[in-house]
Each structure stands twice: as structure tokens, then as C-alpha cells.
Amino acid sequence: MSWLVLPVVVVLLSILTVVAVASNYRNVAGRLSELPGVDGGGGVQAGFIAGLYALVLWSVVISGGMLFIGDAGSNGTESYQGPGADGSEPDETTESDDYSDAELLVFFETITSHWGVNVTSTEMVDDEFVVEYADTTETDDEFTDEVGTLIGVYIDIVEGGLEAERMDVTAVDADDGEQTHWHVESEWAEAYLEDELTVDDVYERVLDTVESA
């Protein structure tokens, strides 16, 4: 997909933020109420203000980190890749902007949703970022792509300043409720951003953690 699509994506995601905050969808407004001008109860004004924050945040993060390329697997399907995938050095990225955990969690939910992953809950528990999503995949390749999307967006929010030791993920099968657990250590994400690990290295480490309940 062309980089010309990125501005459109940024605008659409900002509009989604306006709607989500205005309607206080899943208490998004409450979680962003620490931002100046954003009322915890939602409303149109709070939505537009949050949309402006989102426009700035996603313009920086997406333009610096998102590439629409085939994932590390061999199936050739299109999937999200996190920051650093363009081979740029760490000192070439923007490090001056700090974002709250609430902003980064909303970013995570919105981007993963855009890429077709139905995240049902996110929360910080002590030093761990805990995620649950509805798994609708039918093949191993589809599951790997879904895992890759979540890894990529997690790398984005680690780069954005999320203070977490790791991301613990629970995939709940949409048909039978069976649960699959896996995790990503933040040190793997940081090593990837520093070009110390490749995409395949990260995938291998993450897939080694997969357990079915």
C-alpha cells in the first residue's frame, strides 16, 4: 500500500477518536480525561478536542513507524509492521514526544481494530500490559498474521513511551471460547527497535510462548 494512504489513515483514525470520545465508547473519555479539555463524561466538545490530540499523536507515530508490507511469514498476506521496519536508525526517530498510558492504550485499540483484530479489553496490571481479543482465525497462517499485528502495534506503543515489562495476550476463540495465551517481552521490542533482533527473531520468541488453556 502506498505511503500516500497514510494521511487518509491518520484523518480516519482521528475521526474515530472524536466519535469514541463523544459517545464515551468503552469509557474512552474517562480514560483520556487527564488531557486538558477532555471531559470524562464525553460529549461533542470533548470528542473534537481528543480528535486534535489524536491527529498529532498518530501523525507522529504512524508516519514514523507504520509500513504496509508482507509479514515475516511465507504466506505473503498484507499485515501491519511496527516502527523500525523501514530500517531507519534509532537516532533518526522522534524521541521528544511523551504520551500518557491512556493515550497509548487507545492508540493500540484503534490501530489493531483498523487491521481487523477485535481487541475486547486492555489494561495495565502492575508492570504488565494485559490484552484480550476475539480470535476469529481459521488457519495457522491467519493466527500468525494476527499475532504479528499485535506485536507490531505493541512495538509502536513501547517506542511511544509505554512503561511495561511485557504484553500478556489472551486470544479467546470466537466459536468455542477456547483460550490461547502468549506474551511479548518489552526487551524484545526494544531490541528490535535497536536493530538487535530481526522480525523473525521476535516472531520466534513470541511463538515459543504460545500456550492453549
C-alpha atoms as a PDB file:
ATOM      1  CA  MET A   1       0.000   0.000   0.000  1.00  0.00           C
ATOM      2  CA  SER A   2       1.316   3.442  -0.906  1.00  0.00           C
ATOM      3  CA  TRP A   3       2.593   5.886   1.702  1.00  0.00           C
ATOM      4  CA  LEU A   4       0.060   8.312   0.195  1.00  0.00           C
ATOM      5  CA  VAL A   5      -2.573   6.372   2.125  1.00  0.00           C
ATOM      6  CA  LEU A   6      -1.067   7.374   5.489  1.00  0.00           C
ATOM      7  CA  PRO A   7      -2.605  10.888   5.665  1.00  0.00           C
ATOM      8  CA  VAL A   8      -6.025   9.372   4.974  1.00  0.00           C
ATOM      9  CA  VAL A   9      -5.481   6.767   7.699  1.00  0.00           C
ATOM     10  CA  VAL A  10      -4.465   9.465  10.194  1.00  0.00           C
ATOM     11  CA  VAL A  11      -7.597  11.513   9.468  1.00  0.00           C
ATOM     12  CA  LEU A  12      -9.898   8.493   9.667  1.00  0.00           C
ATOM     13  CA  LEU A  13      -8.410   7.373  12.974  1.00  0.00           C
ATOM     14  CA  SER A  14      -8.780  10.886  14.361  1.00  0.00           C
ATOM     15  CA  ILE A  15     -12.446  10.882  13.324  1.00  0.00           C
ATOM     16  CA  LEU A  16     -12.885   7.535  15.070  1.00  0.00           C
ATOM     17  CA  THR A  17     -11.416   9.102  18.204  1.00  0.00           C
ATOM     18  CA  VAL A  18     -13.881  12.001  18.003  1.00  0.00           C
ATOM     19  CA  VAL A  19     -16.811   9.582  17.784  1.00  0.00           C
ATOM     20  CA  ALA A  20     -15.468   7.261  20.508  1.00  0.00           C
ATOM     21  CA  VAL A  21     -14.847  10.087  22.987  1.00  0.00           C
ATOM     22  CA  ALA A  22     -18.077  11.934  22.188  1.00  0.00           C
ATOM     23  CA  SER A  23     -20.096   8.776  22.886  1.00  0.00           C
ATOM     24  CA  ASN A  24     -17.714   7.685  25.680  1.00  0.00           C
ATOM     25  CA  TYR A  25     -17.396   4.287  23.989  1.00  0.00           C
ATOM     26  CA  ARG A  26     -15.868   1.774  26.429  1.00  0.00           C
ATOM     27  CA  ASN A  27     -15.115   4.695  28.786  1.00  0.00           C
ATOM     28  CA  VAL A  28     -12.575   6.164  26.357  1.00  0.00           C
ATOM     29  CA  ALA A  29     -13.458   9.687  27.501  1.00  0.00           C
ATOM     30  CA  GLY A  30     -12.899   8.736  31.116  1.00  0.00           C
ATOM     31  CA  ARG A  31      -9.514   7.254  30.308  1.00  0.00           C
ATOM     32  CA  LEU A  32      -8.452  10.392  28.446  1.00  0.00           C
ATOM     33  CA  SER A  33      -9.930  12.852  30.947  1.00  0.00           C
ATOM     34  CA  GLU A  34      -6.442  13.740  32.208  1.00  0.00           C
ATOM     35  CA  LEU A  35      -5.913  15.607  28.942  1.00  0.00           C
ATOM     36  CA  PRO A  36      -6.795  19.329  29.089  1.00  0.00           C
ATOM     37  CA  GLY A  37     -10.287  19.967  27.729  1.00  0.00           C
ATOM     38  CA  VAL A  38     -11.415  16.330  27.635  1.00  0.00           C
ATOM     39  CA  ASP A  39     -14.440  15.764  29.869  1.00  0.00           C
ATOM     40  CA  GLY A  40     -14.632  12.317  31.449  1.00  0.00           C
ATOM     41  CA  GLY A  41     -18.295  12.038  30.523  1.00  0.00           C
ATOM     42  CA  GLY A  42     -17.701  12.534  26.815  1.00  0.00           C
ATOM     43  CA  GLY A  43     -19.655  14.921  24.629  1.00  0.00           C
ATOM     44  CA  VAL A  44     -19.079  16.598  21.273  1.00  0.00           C
ATOM     45  CA  GLN A  45     -16.628  19.210  22.549  1.00  0.00           C
ATOM     46  CA  ALA A  46     -14.539  16.604  24.364  1.00  0.00           C
ATOM     47  CA  GLY A  47     -14.612  14.471  21.230  1.00  0.00           C
ATOM     48  CA  PHE A  48     -13.259  17.215  18.984  1.00  0.00           C
ATOM     49  CA  ILE A  49     -10.517  18.113  21.462  1.00  0.00           C
ATOM     50  CA  ALA A  50      -9.485  14.461  21.780  1.00  0.00           C
ATOM     51  CA  GLY A  51      -9.543  14.204  17.989  1.00  0.00           C
ATOM     52  CA  LEU A  52      -6.991  17.011  17.757  1.00  0.00           C
ATOM     53  CA  TYR A  53      -4.738  15.245  20.250  1.00  0.00           C
ATOM     54  CA  ALA A  54      -5.141  12.039  18.248  1.00  0.00           C
ATOM     55  CA  LEU A  55      -4.303  13.800  14.994  1.00  0.00           C
ATOM     56  CA  VAL A  56      -0.983  14.973  16.409  1.00  0.00           C
ATOM     57  CA  LEU A  57      -0.180  11.660  18.106  1.00  0.00           C
ATOM     58  CA  TRP A  58      -0.986   9.442  15.161  1.00  0.00           C
ATOM     59  CA  SER A  59       0.660  11.743  12.630  1.00  0.00           C
ATOM     60  CA  VAL A  60       3.935  11.329  14.513  1.00  0.00           C
ATOM     61  CA  VAL A  61       3.717   7.640  15.324  1.00  0.00           C
ATOM     62  CA  ILE A  62       2.149   6.320  12.131  1.00  0.00           C
ATOM     63  CA  SER A  63       4.289   8.337   9.729  1.00  0.00           C
ATOM     64  CA  GLY A  64       7.400   7.265  11.606  1.00  0.00           C
ATOM     65  CA  GLY A  65       6.551   3.668  12.243  1.00  0.00           C
ATOM     66  CA  MET A  66       3.935   2.042  10.049  1.00  0.00           C
ATOM     67  CA  LEU A  67       4.810   0.125   6.907  1.00  0.00           C
ATOM     68  CA  PHE A  68       2.271  -1.868   4.970  1.00  0.00           C
ATOM     69  CA  ILE A  69       4.377  -4.831   3.931  1.00  0.00           C
ATOM     70  CA  GLY A  70       4.050  -8.602   3.942  1.00  0.00           C
ATOM     71  CA  ASP A  71       4.753 -10.064   7.358  1.00  0.00           C
ATOM     72  CA  ALA A  72       7.665 -12.289   8.315  1.00  0.00           C
ATOM     73  CA  GLY A  73       5.750 -15.412   7.332  1.00  0.00           C
ATOM     74  CA  SER A  74       5.809 -17.034   3.928  1.00  0.00           C
ATOM     75  CA  ASN A  75       2.130 -16.640   3.100  1.00  0.00           C
ATOM     76  CA  GLY A  76       2.570 -13.207   1.523  1.00  0.00           C
ATOM     77  CA  THR A  77      -0.513 -11.684   3.122  1.00  0.00           C
ATOM     78  CA  GLU A  78      -0.551  -7.997   3.962  1.00  0.00           C
ATOM     79  CA  SER A  79      -0.160  -7.107   7.623  1.00  0.00           C
ATOM     80  CA  TYR A  80       0.902  -4.332   9.946  1.00  0.00           C
ATOM     81  CA  GLN A  81       4.556  -3.833  10.816  1.00  0.00           C
ATOM     82  CA  GLY A  82       5.797  -1.728  13.689  1.00  0.00           C
ATOM     83  CA  PRO A  83       8.391   1.044  13.866  1.00  0.00           C
ATOM     84  CA  GLY A  84      11.876   0.424  12.587  1.00  0.00           C
ATOM     85  CA  ALA A  85      10.629  -1.780   9.747  1.00  0.00           C
ATOM     86  CA  ASP A  86      11.945   0.754   7.243  1.00  0.00           C
ATOM     87  CA  GLY A  87      15.476   0.153   8.513  1.00  0.00           C
ATOM     88  CA  SER A  88      15.970   3.634   9.956  1.00  0.00           C
ATOM     89  CA  GLU A  89      18.417   4.060  12.800  1.00  0.00           C
ATOM     90  CA  PRO A  90      17.035   4.693  16.303  1.00  0.00           C
ATOM     91  CA  ASP A  91      18.518   8.203  16.395  1.00  0.00           C
ATOM     92  CA  GLU A  92      16.522   9.093  13.286  1.00  0.00           C
ATOM     93  CA  THR A  93      13.195   8.622  15.069  1.00  0.00           C
ATOM     94  CA  THR A  94      11.354  11.235  17.099  1.00  0.00           C
ATOM     95  CA  GLU A  95      12.015  10.765  20.806  1.00  0.00           C
ATOM     96  CA  SER A  96      10.902  14.122  22.192  1.00  0.00           C
ATOM     97  CA  ASP A  97       7.171  13.432  22.467  1.00  0.00           C
ATOM     98  CA  ASP A  98       5.826  11.768  25.603  1.00  0.00           C
ATOM     99  CA  TYR A  99       2.344  10.255  25.638  1.00  0.00           C
ATOM    100  CA  SER A 100       0.268   9.055  28.571  1.00  0.00           C
ATOM    101  CA  ASP A 101      -0.501   5.366  29.013  1.00  0.00           C
ATOM    102  CA  ALA A 102      -4.183   6.186  28.407  1.00  0.00           C
ATOM    103  CA  GLU A 103      -3.369   7.716  25.021  1.00  0.00           C
ATOM    104  CA  LEU A 104      -1.158   4.793  24.065  1.00  0.00           C
ATOM    105  CA  LEU A 105      -3.778   2.212  25.042  1.00  0.00           C
ATOM    106  CA  VAL A 106      -6.425   3.978  22.948  1.00  0.00           C
ATOM    107  CA  PHE A 107      -3.923   4.096  20.088  1.00  0.00           C
ATOM    108  CA  PHE A 108      -3.315   0.337  20.486  1.00  0.00           C
ATOM    109  CA  GLU A 109      -7.026  -0.491  20.419  1.00  0.00           C
ATOM    110  CA  THR A 110      -7.750   1.753  17.449  1.00  0.00           C
ATOM    111  CA  ILE A 111      -4.866   0.575  15.259  1.00  0.00           C
ATOM    112  CA  THR A 112      -5.436  -3.117  15.962  1.00  0.00           C
ATOM    113  CA  SER A 113      -9.126  -2.644  15.181  1.00  0.00           C
ATOM    114  CA  HIS A 114      -8.201  -0.933  11.915  1.00  0.00           C
ATOM    115  CA  TRP A 115      -6.174  -4.023  10.997  1.00  0.00           C
ATOM    116  CA  GLY A 116      -9.045  -6.378  11.789  1.00  0.00           C
ATOM    117  CA  VAL A 117      -8.157  -7.587  15.289  1.00  0.00           C
ATOM    118  CA  ASN A 118     -11.130  -7.481  17.676  1.00  0.00           C
ATOM    119  CA  VAL A 119      -9.467  -6.415  20.925  1.00  0.00           C
ATOM    120  CA  THR A 120     -12.029  -6.751  23.719  1.00  0.00           C
ATOM    121  CA  SER A 121     -10.023  -5.395  26.653  1.00  0.00           C
ATOM    122  CA  THR A 122      -6.733  -3.706  27.512  1.00  0.00           C
ATOM    123  CA  GLU A 123      -5.412  -2.720  30.913  1.00  0.00           C
ATOM    124  CA  MET A 124      -2.217  -2.122  32.828  1.00  0.00           C
ATOM    125  CA  VAL A 125      -1.774  -4.614  35.673  1.00  0.00           C
ATOM    126  CA  ASP A 126       1.276  -3.686  37.718  1.00  0.00           C
ATOM    127  CA  ASP A 127       4.051  -3.582  35.097  1.00  0.00           C
ATOM    128  CA  GLU A 128       2.257  -5.729  32.528  1.00  0.00           C
ATOM    129  CA  PHE A 129       0.086  -4.661  29.593  1.00  0.00           C
ATOM    130  CA  VAL A 130      -2.772  -7.176  29.542  1.00  0.00           C
ATOM    131  CA  VAL A 131      -4.725  -7.697  26.320  1.00  0.00           C
ATOM    132  CA  GLU A 132      -7.659  -9.936  25.415  1.00  0.00           C
ATOM    133  CA  TYR A 133      -9.043 -10.325  21.907  1.00  0.00           C
ATOM    134  CA  ALA A 134     -11.542 -12.445  19.993  1.00  0.00           C
ATOM    135  CA  ASP A 135      -9.706 -14.911  17.766  1.00  0.00           C
ATOM    136  CA  THR A 136     -11.589 -15.452  14.509  1.00  0.00           C
ATOM    137  CA  THR A 137      -8.746 -17.070  12.566  1.00  0.00           C
ATOM    138  CA  GLU A 138      -9.146 -20.459  10.914  1.00  0.00           C
ATOM    139  CA  THR A 139      -5.574 -21.307   9.877  1.00  0.00           C
ATOM    140  CA  ASP A 140      -2.119 -21.155  11.441  1.00  0.00           C
ATOM    141  CA  ASP A 141      -1.065 -18.524   8.903  1.00  0.00           C
ATOM    142  CA  GLU A 142      -4.022 -16.305   9.822  1.00  0.00           C
ATOM    143  CA  PHE A 143      -3.215 -16.709  13.518  1.00  0.00           C
ATOM    144  CA  THR A 144       0.427 -15.778  12.867  1.00  0.00           C
ATOM    145  CA  ASP A 145      -0.674 -12.668  10.959  1.00  0.00           C
ATOM    146  CA  GLU A 146      -2.936 -11.677  13.857  1.00  0.00           C
ATOM    147  CA  VAL A 147      -0.092 -12.171  16.326  1.00  0.00           C
ATOM    148  CA  GLY A 148       2.146 -10.096  14.056  1.00  0.00           C
ATOM    149  CA  THR A 149      -0.323  -7.217  14.046  1.00  0.00           C
ATOM    150  CA  LEU A 150      -0.492  -7.156  17.844  1.00  0.00           C
ATOM    151  CA  ILE A 151       3.297  -7.383  18.124  1.00  0.00           C
ATOM    152  CA  GLY A 152       3.744  -4.525  15.645  1.00  0.00           C
ATOM    153  CA  VAL A 153       1.362  -2.174  17.422  1.00  0.00           C
ATOM    154  CA  TYR A 154       2.858  -3.092  20.802  1.00  0.00           C
ATOM    155  CA  ILE A 155       6.295  -2.132  19.480  1.00  0.00           C
ATOM    156  CA  ASP A 156       4.773   1.206  18.447  1.00  0.00           C
ATOM    157  CA  ILE A 157       3.481   1.982  21.928  1.00  0.00           C
ATOM    158  CA  VAL A 158       6.724   0.823  23.557  1.00  0.00           C
ATOM    159  CA  GLU A 159       8.508   3.296  21.296  1.00  0.00           C
ATOM    160  CA  GLY A 160       5.865   5.860  22.272  1.00  0.00           C
ATOM    161  CA  GLY A 161       6.829   5.502  25.932  1.00  0.00           C
ATOM    162  CA  LEU A 162       4.601   2.794  27.431  1.00  0.00           C
ATOM    163  CA  GLU A 163       6.108   1.694  30.743  1.00  0.00           C
ATOM    164  CA  ALA A 164       5.524  -2.063  30.741  1.00  0.00           C
ATOM    165  CA  GLU A 165       7.736  -5.090  31.168  1.00  0.00           C
ATOM    166  CA  ARG A 166       5.731  -7.135  28.692  1.00  0.00           C
ATOM    167  CA  MET A 167       2.408  -7.602  26.904  1.00  0.00           C
ATOM    168  CA  ASP A 168       0.366 -10.595  28.097  1.00  0.00           C
ATOM    169  CA  VAL A 169      -2.191 -11.655  25.499  1.00  0.00           C
ATOM    170  CA  THR A 170      -5.209 -13.953  25.716  1.00  0.00           C
ATOM    171  CA  ALA A 171      -6.860 -14.982  22.454  1.00  0.00           C
ATOM    172  CA  VAL A 172     -10.421 -16.228  23.003  1.00  0.00           C
ATOM    173  CA  ASP A 173     -11.764 -18.379  20.177  1.00  0.00           C
ATOM    174  CA  ALA A 174     -14.902 -16.704  18.851  1.00  0.00           C
ATOM    175  CA  ASP A 175     -16.583 -20.082  18.239  1.00  0.00           C
ATOM    176  CA  ASP A 176     -15.847 -22.308  21.238  1.00  0.00           C
ATOM    177  CA  GLY A 177     -14.320 -19.934  23.782  1.00  0.00           C
ATOM    178  CA  GLU A 178     -11.021 -21.828  23.912  1.00  0.00           C
ATOM    179  CA  GLN A 179      -8.217 -19.612  25.177  1.00  0.00           C
ATOM    180  CA  THR A 180      -4.690 -19.267  23.844  1.00  0.00           C
ATOM    181  CA  HIS A 181      -2.067 -17.328  25.790  1.00  0.00           C
ATOM    182  CA  TRP A 182       1.160 -15.718  24.615  1.00  0.00           C
ATOM    183  CA  HIS A 183       3.330 -12.766  25.515  1.00  0.00           C
ATOM    184  CA  VAL A 184       5.885 -10.281  24.219  1.00  0.00           C
ATOM    185  CA  GLU A 185       8.727  -9.049  26.407  1.00  0.00           C
ATOM    186  CA  SER A 186       9.360  -5.316  26.084  1.00  0.00           C
ATOM    187  CA  GLU A 187      13.079  -6.010  25.883  1.00  0.00           C
ATOM    188  CA  TRP A 188      12.407  -7.875  22.613  1.00  0.00           C
ATOM    189  CA  ALA A 189      10.557  -4.839  21.268  1.00  0.00           C
ATOM    190  CA  GLU A 190      13.401  -2.552  22.320  1.00  0.00           C
ATOM    191  CA  ALA A 191      15.994  -4.890  20.807  1.00  0.00           C
ATOM    192  CA  TYR A 192      14.019  -4.854  17.543  1.00  0.00           C
ATOM    193  CA  LEU A 193      13.959  -1.050  17.541  1.00  0.00           C
ATOM    194  CA  GLU A 194      17.726  -1.045  18.108  1.00  0.00           C
ATOM    195  CA  ASP A 195      18.214  -3.485  15.196  1.00  0.00           C
ATOM    196  CA  GLU A 196      19.497  -6.125  17.604  1.00  0.00           C
ATOM    197  CA  LEU A 197      16.679  -8.528  16.688  1.00  0.00           C
ATOM    198  CA  THR A 198      15.024  -9.150  13.329  1.00  0.00           C
ATOM    199  CA  VAL A 199      11.303  -9.584  12.694  1.00  0.00           C
ATOM    200  CA  ASP A 200      11.854 -13.346  12.502  1.00  0.00           C
ATOM    201  CA  ASP A 201      13.728 -13.317  15.824  1.00  0.00           C
ATOM    202  CA  VAL A 202      10.811 -11.602  17.556  1.00  0.00           C
ATOM    203  CA  TYR A 203       8.251 -13.936  15.961  1.00  0.00           C
ATOM    204  CA  GLU A 204      10.242 -16.991  17.058  1.00  0.00           C
ATOM    205  CA  ARG A 205      10.445 -15.805  20.658  1.00  0.00           C
ATOM    206  CA  VAL A 206       6.758 -14.903  20.813  1.00  0.00           C
ATOM    207  CA  LEU A 207       5.503 -18.106  19.185  1.00  0.00           C
ATOM    208  CA  ASP A 208       7.581 -20.104  21.676  1.00  0.00           C
ATOM    209  CA  THR A 209       5.381 -18.625  24.440  1.00  0.00           C
ATOM    210  CA  VAL A 210       2.062 -19.758  22.918  1.00  0.00           C
ATOM    211  CA  GLU A 211       0.032 -21.996  25.236  1.00  0.00           C
ATOM    212  CA  SER A 212      -3.535 -23.272  24.912  1.00  0.00           C
ATOM    213  CA  ALA A 213      -5.716 -23.426  28.014  1.00  0.00           C
END
